[in-house]
Amino acid sequence: MSEYSRYANLRDDILLKGGVGSMRVRVLADNSTLIDRYYLAEPGFSALIEVEGGKVLFDCGYSDVFLKNAMKMDQALLDLTHVVLSHGHLDHTWGLFHLIAALTEAQIEKRNFSRPELIAHPDVFLTKRSAGTLPETGSLISEEKCRDHFRLVLSQTPLWIFEDLVFLGEIPRKYPFESPEPGRKIRRDGVLEPDGMADDSALVWRGKEGLVVITGCSHSGICNIVAYAREVCGEERIQDIIGGFHLLRASEDRMHALVTTLSILGVTRMHPCHCTDFQARRRLSESFLVEDTGSGLTCEYT
């Protein structure tokens, strides 16, 4: 069965059944920690998603912080069914090395572990350059090496991981105020070209009370992501958005357009974090229920 057929069949089945079960999201790495919670933080993002049928690691942060925080939550991450990368930047992929090391050690020591499927956009392993002189701001692990350690699935189109959880693939750019960032480059076939960040994607869970959108950095635009989530899932209700919105020094015009659009899309509650600065969170809190987010946070949804 083709990936498109898998997507179409599962989507039709979900529309008939509605959301099933419940979902738990544990934030394993973020720029902040919660008060009176003794977890580590770093400029990166990682979350553990538990749904009926499996456990999904969404991004790996920059270092081994996600593993250390997971252990404090009694989650060894040796029983993952899937790893999903929101995009290829270093603060979401460089922790892959430490996950590979943990799985390798478990195999050497003959401990129980599972080798998860890794899902991402096809561009996720290409070399990326931000403005400046850094030689690499993308993944340090190549696609070839990843295939040695994971069952690798690269998809531009939406991919249903479970009956109620979908990887959105490439996000259509609908809203012009959420344009690509200048100065970023990607190396394709040996040539550096402007990076439109087509690999930036998200996960969406479809529950009984609506959708939960889980983002990494939202380089593709948080409004674009939410609009596409509603289209793919055939559901207009939004329970929550959790993750980075990439709102750093955003202009008032952009914030006004973003707030207006998210309101029209039915957003009422959110957990903006990672690459969302204080001024953006303050502005968002004027129109939405904005809840504190950081390493150690656990959210549950039905």
Protein backbone atom coordinates (compact mmCIF):
# COMPACT_ATOMS: atom_id res chain seq x y z
CA MET A 1 0.00 0.00 0.00
CA SER A 2 1.36 3.45 -0.90
CA GLU A 3 1.90 6.07 1.83
CA TYR A 4 -0.90 8.14 0.24
CA SER A 5 -3.29 5.19 0.40
CA ARG A 6 -2.31 4.56 4.01
CA TYR A 7 -3.02 8.21 4.80
CA ALA A 8 -6.34 8.28 2.94
CA ASN A 9 -7.64 5.02 4.40
CA LEU A 10 -6.70 5.88 7.98
CA ARG A 11 -8.09 9.39 7.64
CA ASP A 12 -11.45 8.07 6.41
CA ASP A 13 -11.49 5.56 9.27
CA ILE A 14 -10.77 8.29 11.82
CA LEU A 15 -13.50 10.55 10.46
CA LEU A 16 -15.96 7.70 10.98
CA LYS A 17 -14.75 6.73 14.46
CA GLY A 18 -13.75 10.09 15.93
CA GLY A 19 -10.84 10.44 18.33
CA VAL A 20 -10.07 7.49 20.57
CA GLY A 21 -8.45 7.08 23.97
CA SER A 22 -6.34 9.76 25.60
CA MET A 23 -2.93 11.35 25.14
CA ARG A 24 -0.20 12.37 27.56
CA VAL A 25 2.51 14.86 26.59
CA ARG A 26 5.63 15.15 28.74
CA VAL A 27 8.00 18.03 27.94
CA LEU A 28 11.47 16.51 28.18
CA ALA A 29 13.48 19.56 27.11
CA ASP A 30 12.72 23.24 26.80
CA ASN A 31 14.46 26.58 27.31
CA SER A 32 12.78 26.83 30.74
CA THR A 33 11.88 24.59 33.66
CA LEU A 34 8.83 24.76 35.90
CA ILE A 35 9.10 26.27 39.36
CA ASP A 36 9.91 23.71 42.09
CA ARG A 37 10.60 21.05 39.46
CA TYR A 38 14.27 20.07 39.39
CA TYR A 39 14.70 19.34 35.72
CA LEU A 40 17.32 20.55 33.26
CA ALA A 41 16.75 23.13 30.53
CA GLU A 42 18.54 24.07 27.30
CA PRO A 43 17.79 26.06 24.13
CA GLY A 44 16.00 23.17 22.46
CA PHE A 45 12.81 21.14 22.51
CA SER A 46 11.79 17.52 23.07
CA ALA A 47 8.54 15.89 24.13
CA LEU A 48 7.36 12.36 24.87
CA ILE A 49 3.88 11.58 23.57
CA GLU A 50 1.98 8.57 24.89
CA VAL A 51 -1.14 7.45 23.03
CA GLU A 52 -3.11 4.26 22.67
CA GLY A 53 -0.72 1.96 20.82
CA GLY A 54 2.65 3.53 21.43
CA LYS A 55 5.18 6.08 22.67
CA VAL A 56 6.51 8.77 20.37
CA LEU A 57 9.60 10.89 20.99
CA PHE A 58 9.04 14.24 19.28
CA ASP A 59 12.43 15.90 18.72
CA CYS A 60 15.58 15.24 20.75
CA GLY A 61 16.76 18.69 21.77
CA TYR A 62 20.41 19.74 21.53
CA SER A 63 22.11 17.36 23.99
CA ASP A 64 21.32 14.54 26.40
CA VAL A 65 19.06 16.76 28.53
CA PHE A 66 15.95 15.02 27.19
CA LEU A 67 17.30 11.63 28.32
CA LYS A 68 18.23 12.88 31.80
CA ASN A 69 14.82 14.50 32.30
CA ALA A 70 13.07 11.40 30.96
CA MET A 71 14.86 9.27 33.57
CA LYS A 72 13.58 11.60 36.32
CA MET A 73 10.08 10.92 34.93
CA ASP A 74 10.76 7.15 35.07
CA GLN A 75 10.91 6.99 31.27
CA ALA A 76 14.02 5.19 29.99
CA LEU A 77 13.03 5.74 26.31
CA LEU A 78 14.04 2.18 25.42
CA ASP A 79 10.45 1.24 24.55
CA LEU A 80 9.75 3.94 21.97
CA THR A 81 7.63 2.95 18.99
CA HIS A 82 8.47 6.10 17.00
CA VAL A 83 10.76 9.10 16.83
CA VAL A 84 9.47 12.14 14.94
CA LEU A 85 11.63 15.10 13.94
CA SER A 86 9.80 18.39 13.51
CA HIS A 87 12.66 19.73 11.35
CA GLY A 88 16.42 19.40 10.96
CA HIS A 89 17.86 22.21 13.11
CA LEU A 90 20.50 21.48 15.74
CA ASP A 91 18.28 22.31 18.76
CA HIS A 92 15.89 19.52 17.72
CA THR A 93 18.19 16.87 16.21
CA TRP A 94 21.62 16.89 17.87
CA GLY A 95 20.25 14.83 20.76
CA LEU A 96 19.79 11.96 18.27
CA PHE A 97 23.40 10.95 18.97
CA HIS A 98 22.55 10.31 22.62
CA LEU A 99 19.43 8.31 21.77
CA ILE A 100 21.45 6.16 19.36
CA ALA A 101 24.07 5.64 22.09
CA ALA A 102 21.38 4.59 24.61
CA LEU A 103 19.87 2.07 22.19
CA THR A 104 23.31 0.74 21.26
CA GLU A 105 24.31 0.27 24.90
CA ALA A 106 21.04 -1.55 25.60
CA GLN A 107 21.73 -3.97 22.74
CA ILE A 108 25.34 -4.54 23.81
CA GLU A 109 24.24 -5.20 27.39
CA LYS A 110 21.38 -7.45 26.24
CA ARG A 111 18.71 -5.32 27.92
CA ASN A 112 15.18 -5.10 26.58
CA PHE A 113 14.69 -2.33 24.05
CA SER A 114 12.84 -1.60 20.83
CA ARG A 115 14.22 0.00 17.69
CA PRO A 116 11.73 2.74 16.79
CA GLU A 117 10.58 4.01 13.43
CA LEU A 118 11.92 7.50 12.68
CA ILE A 119 9.57 9.81 10.75
CA ALA A 120 10.51 13.14 9.19
CA HIS A 121 10.35 15.25 6.03
CA PRO A 122 12.83 14.20 3.27
CA ASP A 123 14.83 17.45 3.68
CA VAL A 124 15.47 16.94 7.38
CA PHE A 125 19.03 15.58 6.98
CA LEU A 126 20.28 18.13 4.43
CA THR A 127 22.98 20.57 5.54
CA LYS A 128 21.54 23.80 6.88
CA ARG A 129 23.18 27.15 7.44
CA SER A 130 21.87 30.11 9.40
CA ALA A 131 23.13 33.65 8.98
CA GLY A 132 26.77 33.78 10.09
CA THR A 133 29.79 31.50 9.78
CA LEU A 134 28.60 28.29 11.46
CA PRO A 135 29.41 25.39 9.09
CA GLU A 136 26.35 23.32 10.10
CA THR A 137 23.15 24.16 11.97
CA GLY A 138 21.33 21.03 10.81
CA SER A 139 21.53 17.38 11.83
CA LEU A 140 24.96 15.89 12.57
CA ILE A 141 23.61 12.40 11.87
CA SER A 142 23.26 11.61 8.17
CA GLU A 143 20.29 9.91 6.58
CA GLU A 144 22.52 6.90 5.83
CA LYS A 145 23.59 6.55 9.47
CA CYS A 146 20.01 6.94 10.67
CA ARG A 147 18.96 4.03 8.49
CA ASP A 148 21.47 1.88 10.39
CA HIS A 149 19.75 2.61 13.71
CA PHE A 150 16.08 3.25 12.88
CA ARG A 151 13.36 2.18 10.48
CA LEU A 152 13.43 5.43 8.54
CA VAL A 153 10.27 6.84 6.92
CA LEU A 154 10.56 10.17 5.09
CA SER A 155 7.29 11.72 3.97
CA GLN A 156 6.21 15.01 2.43
CA THR A 157 2.55 14.04 2.76
CA PRO A 158 0.55 13.52 5.97
CA LEU A 159 1.31 10.18 7.60
CA TRP A 160 -0.97 8.59 10.20
CA ILE A 161 1.26 7.04 12.86
CA PHE A 162 -1.66 5.75 14.90
CA GLU A 163 -5.40 5.94 14.51
CA ASP A 164 -5.45 9.29 16.30
CA LEU A 165 -1.97 10.75 15.68
CA VAL A 166 -0.73 12.20 12.39
CA PHE A 167 2.56 13.65 11.14
CA LEU A 168 1.57 16.56 8.89
CA GLY A 169 4.45 16.38 6.43
CA GLU A 170 5.06 19.52 4.37
CA ILE A 171 2.91 22.44 5.51
CA PRO A 172 1.19 24.54 2.80
CA ARG A 173 2.03 28.23 3.19
CA LYS A 174 -1.35 29.95 3.26
CA TYR A 175 -0.74 33.13 5.25
CA PRO A 176 1.76 35.63 3.75
CA PHE A 177 2.62 37.20 7.13
CA GLU A 178 4.28 33.87 8.06
CA SER A 179 7.01 34.06 5.41
CA PRO A 180 10.37 32.18 5.49
CA GLU A 181 13.22 33.80 7.38
CA PRO A 182 15.90 35.51 5.27
CA GLY A 183 19.48 34.41 5.52
CA ARG A 184 18.87 30.70 6.05
CA LYS A 185 20.42 28.34 3.51
CA ILE A 186 20.13 24.65 2.69
CA ARG A 187 22.56 22.49 0.69
CA ARG A 188 20.87 20.46 -2.01
CA ASP A 189 22.89 18.44 -4.52
CA GLY A 190 26.04 20.23 -3.36
CA VAL A 191 24.65 23.74 -3.89
CA LEU A 192 23.59 26.22 -1.19
CA GLU A 193 20.17 27.73 -1.87
CA PRO A 194 17.62 29.74 0.16
CA ASP A 195 15.96 27.55 2.75
CA GLY A 196 12.18 27.82 2.76
CA MET A 197 12.22 25.26 5.59
CA ALA A 198 9.88 22.83 3.85
CA ASP A 199 10.96 20.22 6.41
CA ASP A 200 9.30 22.10 9.29
CA SER A 201 6.30 20.02 10.32
CA ALA A 202 4.18 19.08 13.36
CA LEU A 203 2.20 16.31 15.03
CA VAL A 204 -1.55 16.45 15.57
CA TRP A 205 -3.62 14.29 17.89
CA ARG A 206 -7.36 13.99 17.33
CA GLY A 207 -9.25 13.53 20.57
CA LYS A 208 -12.88 13.57 21.58
CA GLU A 209 -12.64 17.25 22.48
CA GLY A 210 -10.76 18.33 19.35
CA LEU A 211 -7.19 18.60 18.10
CA VAL A 212 -3.94 19.00 20.00
CA VAL A 213 -1.19 20.46 17.80
CA ILE A 214 2.42 19.72 18.83
CA THR A 215 5.06 21.87 17.18
CA GLY A 216 8.84 22.11 17.25
CA CYS A 217 9.65 25.64 16.05
CA SER A 218 6.80 26.50 13.65
CA HIS A 219 9.16 27.90 11.00
CA SER A 220 6.37 27.08 8.55
CA GLY A 221 4.05 29.37 10.53
CA ILE A 222 1.85 28.46 13.46
CA CYS A 223 -1.29 29.66 11.64
CA ASN A 224 -0.36 27.58 8.58
CA ILE A 225 0.17 24.56 10.83
CA VAL A 226 -3.16 24.91 12.64
CA ALA A 227 -5.07 25.49 9.38
CA TYR A 228 -3.51 22.39 7.81
CA ALA A 229 -4.15 20.32 10.95
CA ARG A 230 -7.85 21.14 10.71
CA GLU A 231 -7.88 20.22 7.01
CA VAL A 232 -6.00 16.93 7.38
CA CYS A 233 -7.99 15.76 10.39
CA GLY A 234 -11.40 16.98 9.24
CA GLU A 235 -11.87 18.65 12.64
CA GLU A 236 -12.30 22.36 13.43
CA ARG A 237 -12.08 22.25 17.24
CA ILE A 238 -8.66 22.96 18.74
CA GLN A 239 -7.98 21.76 22.29
CA ASP A 240 -4.44 23.08 22.62
CA ILE A 241 -1.20 23.98 20.86
CA ILE A 242 2.05 23.07 22.59
CA GLY A 243 5.58 23.83 21.39
CA GLY A 244 7.66 26.59 19.80
CA PHE A 245 5.96 29.31 17.74
CA HIS A 246 9.18 30.98 16.53
CA LEU A 247 8.07 34.42 17.63
CA LEU A 248 11.23 36.34 18.43
CA ARG A 249 11.05 40.13 18.28
CA ALA A 250 7.89 39.84 16.17
CA SER A 251 6.39 43.13 14.99
CA GLU A 252 3.03 44.32 16.30
CA ASP A 253 1.58 44.01 12.78
CA ARG A 254 2.60 40.37 12.62
CA MET A 255 1.31 39.64 16.11
CA HIS A 256 -2.02 41.30 15.31
CA ALA A 257 -2.41 39.22 12.13
CA LEU A 258 -1.39 36.06 13.97
CA VAL A 259 -3.75 36.58 16.92
CA THR A 260 -6.64 37.43 14.60
CA THR A 261 -6.03 34.35 12.45
CA LEU A 262 -5.62 31.93 15.36
CA SER A 263 -8.87 33.26 16.84
CA ILE A 264 -10.68 32.64 13.55
CA LEU A 265 -9.19 29.13 13.47
CA GLY A 266 -10.79 28.40 16.85
CA VAL A 267 -7.72 28.46 19.10
CA THR A 268 -8.47 29.31 22.75
CA ARG A 269 -5.69 27.59 24.74
CA MET A 270 -1.95 27.22 24.13
CA HIS A 271 1.42 26.29 25.64
CA PRO A 272 3.92 28.45 23.68
CA CYS A 273 7.53 27.78 24.63
CA HIS A 274 11.09 27.23 23.33
CA CYS A 275 11.47 29.89 20.57
CA THR A 276 8.59 32.12 21.72
CA ASP A 277 9.86 35.17 23.56
CA PHE A 278 8.26 36.88 26.56
CA GLN A 279 6.77 39.76 24.58
CA ALA A 280 5.04 37.34 22.20
CA ARG A 281 3.70 35.24 25.08
CA ARG A 282 2.48 38.38 26.83
CA ARG A 283 0.69 39.51 23.65
CA LEU A 284 -0.82 36.06 23.10
CA SER A 285 -2.05 35.97 26.70
CA GLU A 286 -4.28 38.97 25.98
CA SER A 287 -6.43 36.84 23.66
CA PHE A 288 -5.83 33.20 24.66
CA LEU A 289 -5.36 31.05 27.73
CA VAL A 290 -1.55 30.84 27.79
CA GLU A 291 -0.22 28.25 30.23
CA ASP A 292 3.28 27.99 31.67
CA THR A 293 5.52 25.51 29.86
CA GLY A 294 8.95 24.05 30.58
CA SER A 295 10.96 20.89 31.15
CA GLY A 296 8.98 18.58 33.42
CA LEU A 297 5.50 19.66 32.30
CA THR A 298 2.93 16.90 31.79
CA CYS A 299 -0.37 17.53 29.97
CA GLU A 300 -3.19 15.03 29.48
CA TYR A 301 -5.94 15.21 26.88
CA THR A 302 -9.09 13.27 25.92
